């Protein structure tokens, strides 16, 4: 049976586990296994739902807030596909989406052999899937379409102050959303904007402040850092002159200077001690240009998380990676952007092994 696994971002580990279990049962499961953003990503999900027999919904307290999951169910119902909710964590019946209230739910909270057997029997008991409607329903728009538009604009960020303020206003909307997928995507885009060499001072200050108020705090360089050259934003106003203080004893001034220097030296020693295990900062050229091999199971085509793990294993303190889709086929390649130590580095990923469903090995290089 062809099965699409629908899940909220927080339930990705459970979704990955379900994909493996369903594969062992002999089914053909599919999961996007990536961030809920991007028009091409959304087109692929809708195509998979049209071609599936069953939409398996991962039920947890995170599900009601996911706009993407709601649209996936809406489309599956309109296409007359089977929908089976699998409860993986305790959830209040009062908080359930209305379209799932009347559907029998499978208890998968323990995720043991007995739960796997119940899942197998529930799928086996489903009747044959009805044919698709003669006239297909209109596909729903991507759930985060305005953020997709912002991502496109960041790829060719103009040096226009008003446009950059518009971008930041959109990011602020996403950062304050109730949808965790929306907040996460907006935070990632805000960090890309803060790392962009064409960002301007005022919009960067607004973006940094909004990101600082969001859960997790800022993850980008402070506005006004590298990349803000002449002409980027208004000039910093001159600090008004401060009247000279009353004359002091030269001895008092010398002692105060020595005391301040001693305190600064102590703070510097403490700071260096605390930073001792944070790893190296990657200057340009630190990411290897010779292909590095990685053997790991990557569900679907999402290699971003696995790539970050590989970079960190090489001593490169990567914060996150954005990859732009990867076909599960030997020889397929994709381009990624890696954020590390305040910089953005291009990385190419090439598939070197698959099990027919997932990527099992890949190589990466700068």
Protein backbone atom coordinates (compact mmCIF):
# COMPACT_ATOMS: atom_id res chain seq x y z
CA UNK A 1 0.00 0.00 0.00
CA UNK A 2 1.21 3.48 -0.84
CA UNK A 3 1.21 5.55 2.36
CA UNK A 4 1.96 9.22 3.00
CA UNK A 5 2.95 10.03 6.60
CA UNK A 6 1.63 13.44 7.71
CA UNK A 7 3.18 14.95 10.83
CA UNK A 8 4.00 18.17 12.66
CA UNK A 9 7.65 19.21 12.76
CA UNK A 10 8.01 18.25 16.43
CA UNK A 11 7.01 14.65 15.61
CA UNK A 12 9.61 14.09 12.91
CA UNK A 13 11.50 11.36 14.89
CA UNK A 14 8.26 9.37 15.31
CA UNK A 15 7.40 9.87 11.63
CA UNK A 16 10.83 8.54 10.64
CA UNK A 17 10.30 5.52 12.89
CA UNK A 18 6.89 4.88 11.31
CA UNK A 19 8.38 5.01 7.82
CA UNK A 20 10.85 2.26 8.76
CA UNK A 21 8.12 0.15 10.40
CA UNK A 22 5.81 0.47 7.39
CA UNK A 23 8.65 -0.45 5.05
CA UNK A 24 9.27 -3.62 7.07
CA UNK A 25 5.57 -4.45 6.65
CA UNK A 26 6.06 -4.37 2.87
CA UNK A 27 4.28 -1.05 2.27
CA UNK A 28 5.54 1.94 0.29
CA UNK A 29 5.64 4.82 2.81
CA UNK A 30 6.63 8.38 1.95
CA UNK A 31 7.37 11.33 4.18
CA UNK A 32 8.66 14.78 3.29
CA UNK A 33 11.07 14.63 6.28
CA UNK A 34 11.89 18.34 5.90
CA UNK A 35 10.95 21.87 6.82
CA UNK A 36 7.46 22.99 5.85
CA UNK A 37 8.48 25.59 3.31
CA UNK A 38 9.06 25.92 -0.41
CA UNK A 39 6.69 25.74 -3.35
CA UNK A 40 8.41 22.72 -4.96
CA UNK A 41 8.27 20.88 -1.63
CA UNK A 42 4.51 21.51 -1.43
CA UNK A 43 3.92 20.37 -5.02
CA UNK A 44 5.72 17.10 -4.24
CA UNK A 45 3.57 16.49 -1.14
CA UNK A 46 0.35 17.05 -3.09
CA UNK A 47 1.53 14.72 -5.85
CA UNK A 48 2.31 12.02 -3.29
CA UNK A 49 -1.16 12.39 -1.72
CA UNK A 50 -2.81 12.06 -5.14
CA UNK A 51 -0.90 8.83 -5.73
CA UNK A 52 -1.34 7.29 -2.28
CA UNK A 53 -3.87 4.87 -0.82
CA UNK A 54 -3.61 6.11 2.77
CA UNK A 55 -2.68 9.29 4.63
CA UNK A 56 -1.31 8.21 8.03
CA UNK A 57 -1.68 11.16 10.43
CA UNK A 58 0.76 11.33 13.36
CA UNK A 59 -1.40 12.58 16.25
CA UNK A 60 0.19 14.54 19.10
CA UNK A 61 -0.40 17.86 20.92
CA UNK A 62 1.69 19.53 18.19
CA UNK A 63 -0.67 18.51 15.37
CA UNK A 64 -3.52 21.07 15.79
CA UNK A 65 -1.10 23.99 15.29
CA UNK A 66 0.31 22.65 11.99
CA UNK A 67 -1.26 24.41 9.00
CA UNK A 68 0.51 22.07 6.59
CA UNK A 69 -0.97 18.96 8.21
CA UNK A 70 -4.47 20.45 8.11
CA UNK A 71 -4.14 21.18 4.39
CA UNK A 72 -2.77 17.70 3.72
CA UNK A 73 -5.81 16.10 5.40
CA UNK A 74 -8.19 18.45 3.60
CA UNK A 75 -6.70 17.44 0.25
CA UNK A 76 -6.70 13.71 1.12
CA UNK A 77 -10.39 13.84 2.11
CA UNK A 78 -11.26 15.69 -1.12
CA UNK A 79 -9.41 13.01 -3.13
CA UNK A 80 -11.25 10.20 -1.26
CA UNK A 81 -8.02 8.77 0.14
CA UNK A 82 -8.10 6.72 3.37
CA UNK A 83 -7.07 8.71 6.46
CA UNK A 84 -5.82 6.89 9.57
CA UNK A 85 -4.83 8.86 12.71
CA UNK A 86 -2.12 7.21 14.83
CA UNK A 87 -1.96 8.70 18.35
CA UNK A 88 1.71 8.85 19.39
CA UNK A 89 1.33 11.04 22.51
CA UNK A 90 -1.57 11.84 24.89
CA UNK A 91 -3.80 14.49 23.36
CA UNK A 92 -6.96 16.18 24.60
CA UNK A 93 -10.08 15.19 22.68
CA UNK A 94 -11.31 18.78 23.03
CA UNK A 95 -8.23 19.97 21.17
CA UNK A 96 -8.61 17.62 18.21
CA UNK A 97 -9.12 19.08 14.73
CA UNK A 98 -12.81 18.75 13.80
CA UNK A 99 -12.06 16.71 10.66
CA UNK A 100 -10.54 13.92 12.78
CA UNK A 101 -13.12 13.68 15.58
CA UNK A 102 -15.31 11.10 13.81
CA UNK A 103 -12.45 8.84 12.64
CA UNK A 104 -11.33 5.77 14.60
CA UNK A 105 -7.87 6.42 16.04
CA UNK A 106 -5.06 3.94 16.49
CA UNK A 107 -3.21 3.92 19.82
CA UNK A 108 0.49 4.07 19.00
CA UNK A 109 1.71 5.78 22.17
CA UNK A 110 3.83 2.85 23.41
CA UNK A 111 5.38 2.13 20.00
CA UNK A 112 6.18 -1.49 20.88
CA UNK A 113 5.60 -4.79 19.09
CA UNK A 114 1.93 -4.85 20.12
CA UNK A 115 1.38 -1.33 18.73
CA UNK A 116 3.13 -2.29 15.50
CA UNK A 117 0.83 -5.31 15.20
CA UNK A 118 -2.23 -3.10 15.70
CA UNK A 119 -0.96 -0.75 13.01
CA UNK A 120 -0.44 -3.67 10.63
CA UNK A 121 -3.95 -5.00 11.26
CA UNK A 122 -5.58 -1.55 10.94
CA UNK A 123 -3.99 -0.99 7.54
CA UNK A 124 -4.79 -4.52 6.41
CA UNK A 125 -8.47 -4.04 7.31
CA UNK A 126 -8.87 -0.99 5.09
CA UNK A 127 -11.08 -1.51 2.02
CA UNK A 128 -9.73 -0.85 -1.46
CA UNK A 129 -9.16 2.84 -2.01
CA UNK A 130 -11.83 4.48 -4.21
CA UNK A 131 -10.78 5.93 -7.56
CA UNK A 132 -9.83 9.58 -7.72
CA UNK A 133 -12.67 12.00 -8.50
CA UNK A 134 -13.22 12.52 -12.21
CA UNK A 135 -12.59 16.23 -11.67
CA UNK A 136 -9.71 16.69 -9.26
CA UNK A 137 -10.18 19.26 -6.49
CA UNK A 138 -8.18 22.44 -6.64
CA UNK A 139 -4.83 21.91 -4.86
CA UNK A 140 -4.42 23.98 -1.69
CA UNK A 141 -1.83 26.76 -1.76
CA UNK A 142 1.41 26.26 0.20
CA UNK A 143 0.74 26.85 3.90
CA UNK A 144 3.57 29.35 4.27
CA UNK A 145 3.36 31.01 0.86
CA UNK A 146 4.32 34.47 2.12
CA UNK A 147 7.49 33.03 3.66
CA UNK A 148 8.24 31.27 0.37
CA UNK A 149 8.04 34.69 -1.29
CA UNK A 150 10.43 36.12 1.31
CA UNK A 151 12.87 33.26 0.67
CA UNK A 152 12.80 34.07 -3.05
CA UNK A 153 13.44 37.75 -2.34
CA UNK A 154 16.38 36.90 -0.06
CA UNK A 155 18.00 35.00 -2.94
CA UNK A 156 18.29 38.32 -4.79
CA UNK A 157 18.08 40.83 -1.95
CA UNK A 158 17.88 44.35 -3.42
CA UNK A 159 19.70 47.28 -1.87
CA UNK A 160 16.39 49.06 -1.33
CA UNK A 161 15.61 50.19 2.21
CA UNK A 162 11.82 50.02 1.82
CA UNK A 163 11.92 46.52 0.34
CA UNK A 164 14.14 45.28 3.15
CA UNK A 165 11.77 46.76 5.73
CA UNK A 166 8.89 44.92 4.00
CA UNK A 167 10.83 41.66 4.23
CA UNK A 168 11.53 42.15 7.93
CA UNK A 169 7.87 43.00 8.61
CA UNK A 170 6.89 39.67 7.04
CA UNK A 171 9.50 37.85 9.10
CA UNK A 172 8.17 39.46 12.29
CA UNK A 173 4.70 38.12 11.45
CA UNK A 174 6.13 34.61 11.14
CA UNK A 175 8.20 34.87 14.32
CA UNK A 176 5.08 35.72 16.34
CA UNK A 177 2.88 33.00 14.77
CA UNK A 178 1.19 30.28 16.82
CA UNK A 179 2.29 27.72 14.21
CA UNK A 180 5.67 26.23 15.23
CA UNK A 181 6.51 25.44 11.59
CA UNK A 182 5.88 29.06 10.66
CA UNK A 183 8.00 30.35 13.57
CA UNK A 184 10.85 27.98 12.74
CA UNK A 185 10.88 28.90 9.05
CA UNK A 186 10.69 32.61 9.82
CA UNK A 187 13.59 32.29 12.28
CA UNK A 188 15.71 30.50 9.67
CA UNK A 189 14.97 33.18 7.08
CA UNK A 190 15.71 35.94 9.61
CA UNK A 191 19.14 34.42 10.26
CA UNK A 192 19.78 34.24 6.50
CA UNK A 193 18.83 37.92 6.22
CA UNK A 194 21.15 38.90 9.09
CA UNK A 195 24.02 37.02 7.41
CA UNK A 196 23.35 38.60 4.01
CA UNK A 197 26.09 41.01 2.84
CA UNK A 198 23.47 43.36 1.31
CA UNK A 199 21.39 43.81 4.46
CA UNK A 200 20.93 47.38 5.65
CA UNK A 201 21.34 48.79 9.13
CA UNK A 202 17.77 49.69 10.13
CA UNK A 203 16.06 46.54 8.81
CA UNK A 204 18.84 44.41 10.31
CA UNK A 205 18.30 46.01 13.71
CA UNK A 206 14.56 45.24 13.51
CA UNK A 207 15.22 41.66 12.42
CA UNK A 208 17.77 41.07 15.19
CA UNK A 209 15.39 42.48 17.81
CA UNK A 210 12.48 40.31 16.57
CA UNK A 211 14.68 37.22 16.48
CA UNK A 212 15.92 37.99 19.96
CA UNK A 213 12.34 38.04 21.26
CA UNK A 214 11.51 34.76 19.52
CA UNK A 215 12.02 31.39 21.31
CA UNK A 216 15.67 30.39 21.16
CA UNK A 217 17.04 33.91 20.87
CA UNK A 218 19.23 35.38 18.11
CA UNK A 219 21.34 33.14 15.91
CA UNK A 220 22.99 35.61 13.59
CA UNK A 221 25.59 38.38 13.61
CA UNK A 222 24.65 41.62 15.24
CA UNK A 223 23.41 44.25 12.81
CA UNK A 224 26.13 46.65 11.91
CA UNK A 225 28.76 43.90 11.76
CA UNK A 226 30.64 42.66 8.69
CA UNK A 227 28.87 43.34 5.43
CA UNK A 228 27.43 46.72 6.38
CA UNK A 229 29.71 48.88 4.33
CA UNK A 230 29.35 52.54 3.37
CA UNK A 231 25.91 53.42 2.05
CA UNK A 232 24.12 50.53 3.80
CA UNK A 233 21.66 52.27 6.08
CA UNK A 234 21.74 55.73 7.57
CA UNK A 235 24.95 57.02 9.12
CA UNK A 236 25.32 56.58 12.84
CA UNK A 237 24.74 59.93 14.54
CA UNK A 238 27.75 61.40 16.23
CA UNK A 239 27.86 61.05 19.99
CA UNK A 240 27.40 64.44 21.64
CA UNK A 241 30.50 65.79 23.28
CA UNK A 242 30.55 65.23 27.03
CA UNK A 243 31.86 68.05 29.20
CA UNK A 244 35.24 67.28 30.71
CA UNK A 245 34.99 66.10 34.33
CA UNK A 246 36.50 68.06 37.11
CA UNK A 247 40.23 67.62 37.51
CA UNK A 248 41.26 64.60 39.58
CA UNK A 249 44.34 63.63 41.37
CA UNK A 250 46.75 61.96 38.92
CA UNK A 251 47.31 59.18 41.46
CA UNK A 252 43.58 58.41 41.69
CA UNK A 253 43.27 58.27 37.89
CA UNK A 254 46.25 55.93 37.54
CA UNK A 255 44.89 53.60 40.25
CA UNK A 256 41.46 53.56 38.60
CA UNK A 257 43.02 52.70 35.24
CA UNK A 258 45.08 49.87 36.76
CA UNK A 259 42.00 48.52 38.56
CA UNK A 260 39.93 48.58 35.38
CA UNK A 261 42.66 46.83 33.41
CA UNK A 262 42.93 44.11 36.06
CA UNK A 263 39.19 43.47 35.98
CA UNK A 264 39.23 43.31 32.19
CA UNK A 265 42.12 40.83 32.28
CA UNK A 266 40.25 38.57 34.73
CA UNK A 267 37.12 38.65 32.58
CA UNK A 268 39.17 37.82 29.50
CA UNK A 269 40.74 34.80 31.22
CA UNK A 270 37.30 33.53 32.33
CA UNK A 271 35.87 34.04 28.85
CA UNK A 272 38.71 32.13 27.20
CA UNK A 273 38.30 29.31 29.70
CA UNK A 274 34.59 29.04 28.97
CA UNK A 275 35.19 29.05 25.22
CA UNK A 276 37.81 26.36 25.39
CA UNK A 277 35.49 23.61 24.13
CA UNK A 278 33.42 25.45 21.56
CA UNK A 279 35.52 24.30 18.62
CA UNK A 280 37.23 26.22 15.81
CA UNK A 281 35.75 29.07 13.83
CA UNK A 282 35.70 28.21 10.14
CA UNK A 283 37.35 30.90 8.01
CA UNK A 284 36.86 30.87 4.25
CA UNK A 285 38.23 27.62 2.85
CA UNK A 286 37.73 25.62 6.05
CA UNK A 287 35.00 23.44 4.52
CA UNK A 288 36.82 20.74 2.52
CA UNK A 289 36.75 20.93 -1.26
CA UNK A 290 37.63 17.23 -1.53
CA UNK A 291 34.49 15.04 -1.25
CA UNK A 292 33.93 13.75 2.29
CA UNK A 293 32.05 10.48 2.70
CA UNK A 294 29.04 10.08 5.03
CA UNK A 295 27.21 6.83 5.72
CA UNK A 296 23.88 7.47 7.45
CA UNK A 297 20.19 6.91 6.78
CA UNK A 298 18.41 10.03 5.54
CA UNK A 299 14.65 9.69 5.13
CA UNK A 300 13.47 11.04 1.79
CA UNK A 301 15.71 13.75 0.36
CA UNK A 302 16.27 15.91 3.46
CA UNK A 303 20.02 15.87 4.16
CA UNK A 304 20.24 19.17 6.06
CA UNK A 305 20.31 17.64 9.57
CA UNK A 306 22.71 14.86 8.56
CA UNK A 307 24.99 17.41 6.87
CA UNK A 308 25.17 19.54 10.03
CA UNK A 309 26.10 16.41 12.03
CA UNK A 310 28.88 15.59 9.56
CA UNK A 311 30.26 19.15 9.64
CA UNK A 312 30.32 19.18 13.43
CA UNK A 313 32.09 15.81 13.44
CA UNK A 314 34.81 17.48 11.33
CA UNK A 315 35.15 20.27 13.93
CA UNK A 316 33.17 22.86 11.97
CA UNK A 317 30.62 24.47 14.35
CA UNK A 318 27.69 24.55 11.93
CA UNK A 319 24.50 26.13 13.28
CA UNK A 320 22.12 24.93 10.58
CA UNK A 321 21.92 24.04 6.90
CA UNK A 322 19.39 24.78 4.19
CA UNK A 323 19.26 22.25 1.35
CA UNK A 324 17.04 22.59 -1.67
CA UNK A 325 15.63 19.10 -2.23
CA UNK A 326 17.45 15.92 -3.17
CA UNK A 327 16.29 13.05 -5.37
CA UNK A 328 16.73 9.62 -3.77
CA UNK A 329 18.93 8.27 -6.57
CA UNK A 330 22.64 7.52 -6.78
CA UNK A 331 24.42 10.42 -8.45
CA UNK A 332 21.75 13.01 -7.59
CA UNK A 333 23.16 16.29 -6.27
CA UNK A 334 21.86 19.35 -4.47
CA UNK A 335 23.22 22.68 -3.26
CA UNK A 336 23.13 23.59 0.43
CA UNK A 337 23.88 26.73 2.42
CA UNK A 338 25.54 26.19 5.79
CA UNK A 339 25.56 28.83 8.52
CA UNK A 340 28.60 28.61 10.80
CA UNK A 341 30.29 31.21 12.99
CA UNK A 342 28.39 34.11 11.43
CA UNK A 343 29.10 33.14 7.83
CA UNK A 344 27.19 31.31 5.11
CA UNK A 345 29.09 28.63 3.19
CA UNK A 346 28.00 26.79 0.00
CA UNK A 347 28.17 22.99 0.22
CA UNK A 348 27.38 20.45 -2.50
CA UNK A 349 25.85 17.08 -1.55
CA UNK A 350 25.91 14.05 -3.88
CA UNK A 351 24.04 10.78 -3.22
CA UNK A 352 26.32 7.71 -3.27
CA UNK A 353 23.92 5.10 -1.87
CA UNK A 354 20.19 4.43 -1.35
CA UNK A 355 17.97 1.59 -0.16
CA UNK A 356 15.36 2.48 -2.75
CA UNK A 357 13.43 4.68 -0.33
CA UNK A 358 15.98 6.64 1.69
CA UNK A 359 19.47 8.02 1.14
CA UNK A 360 21.95 5.72 2.94
CA UNK A 361 25.23 7.39 1.94
CA UNK A 362 26.32 10.70 0.48
CA UNK A 363 29.42 12.80 -0.06
CA UNK A 364 29.78 16.51 0.62
CA UNK A 365 32.27 19.20 -0.27
CA UNK A 366 32.60 22.96 -0.41
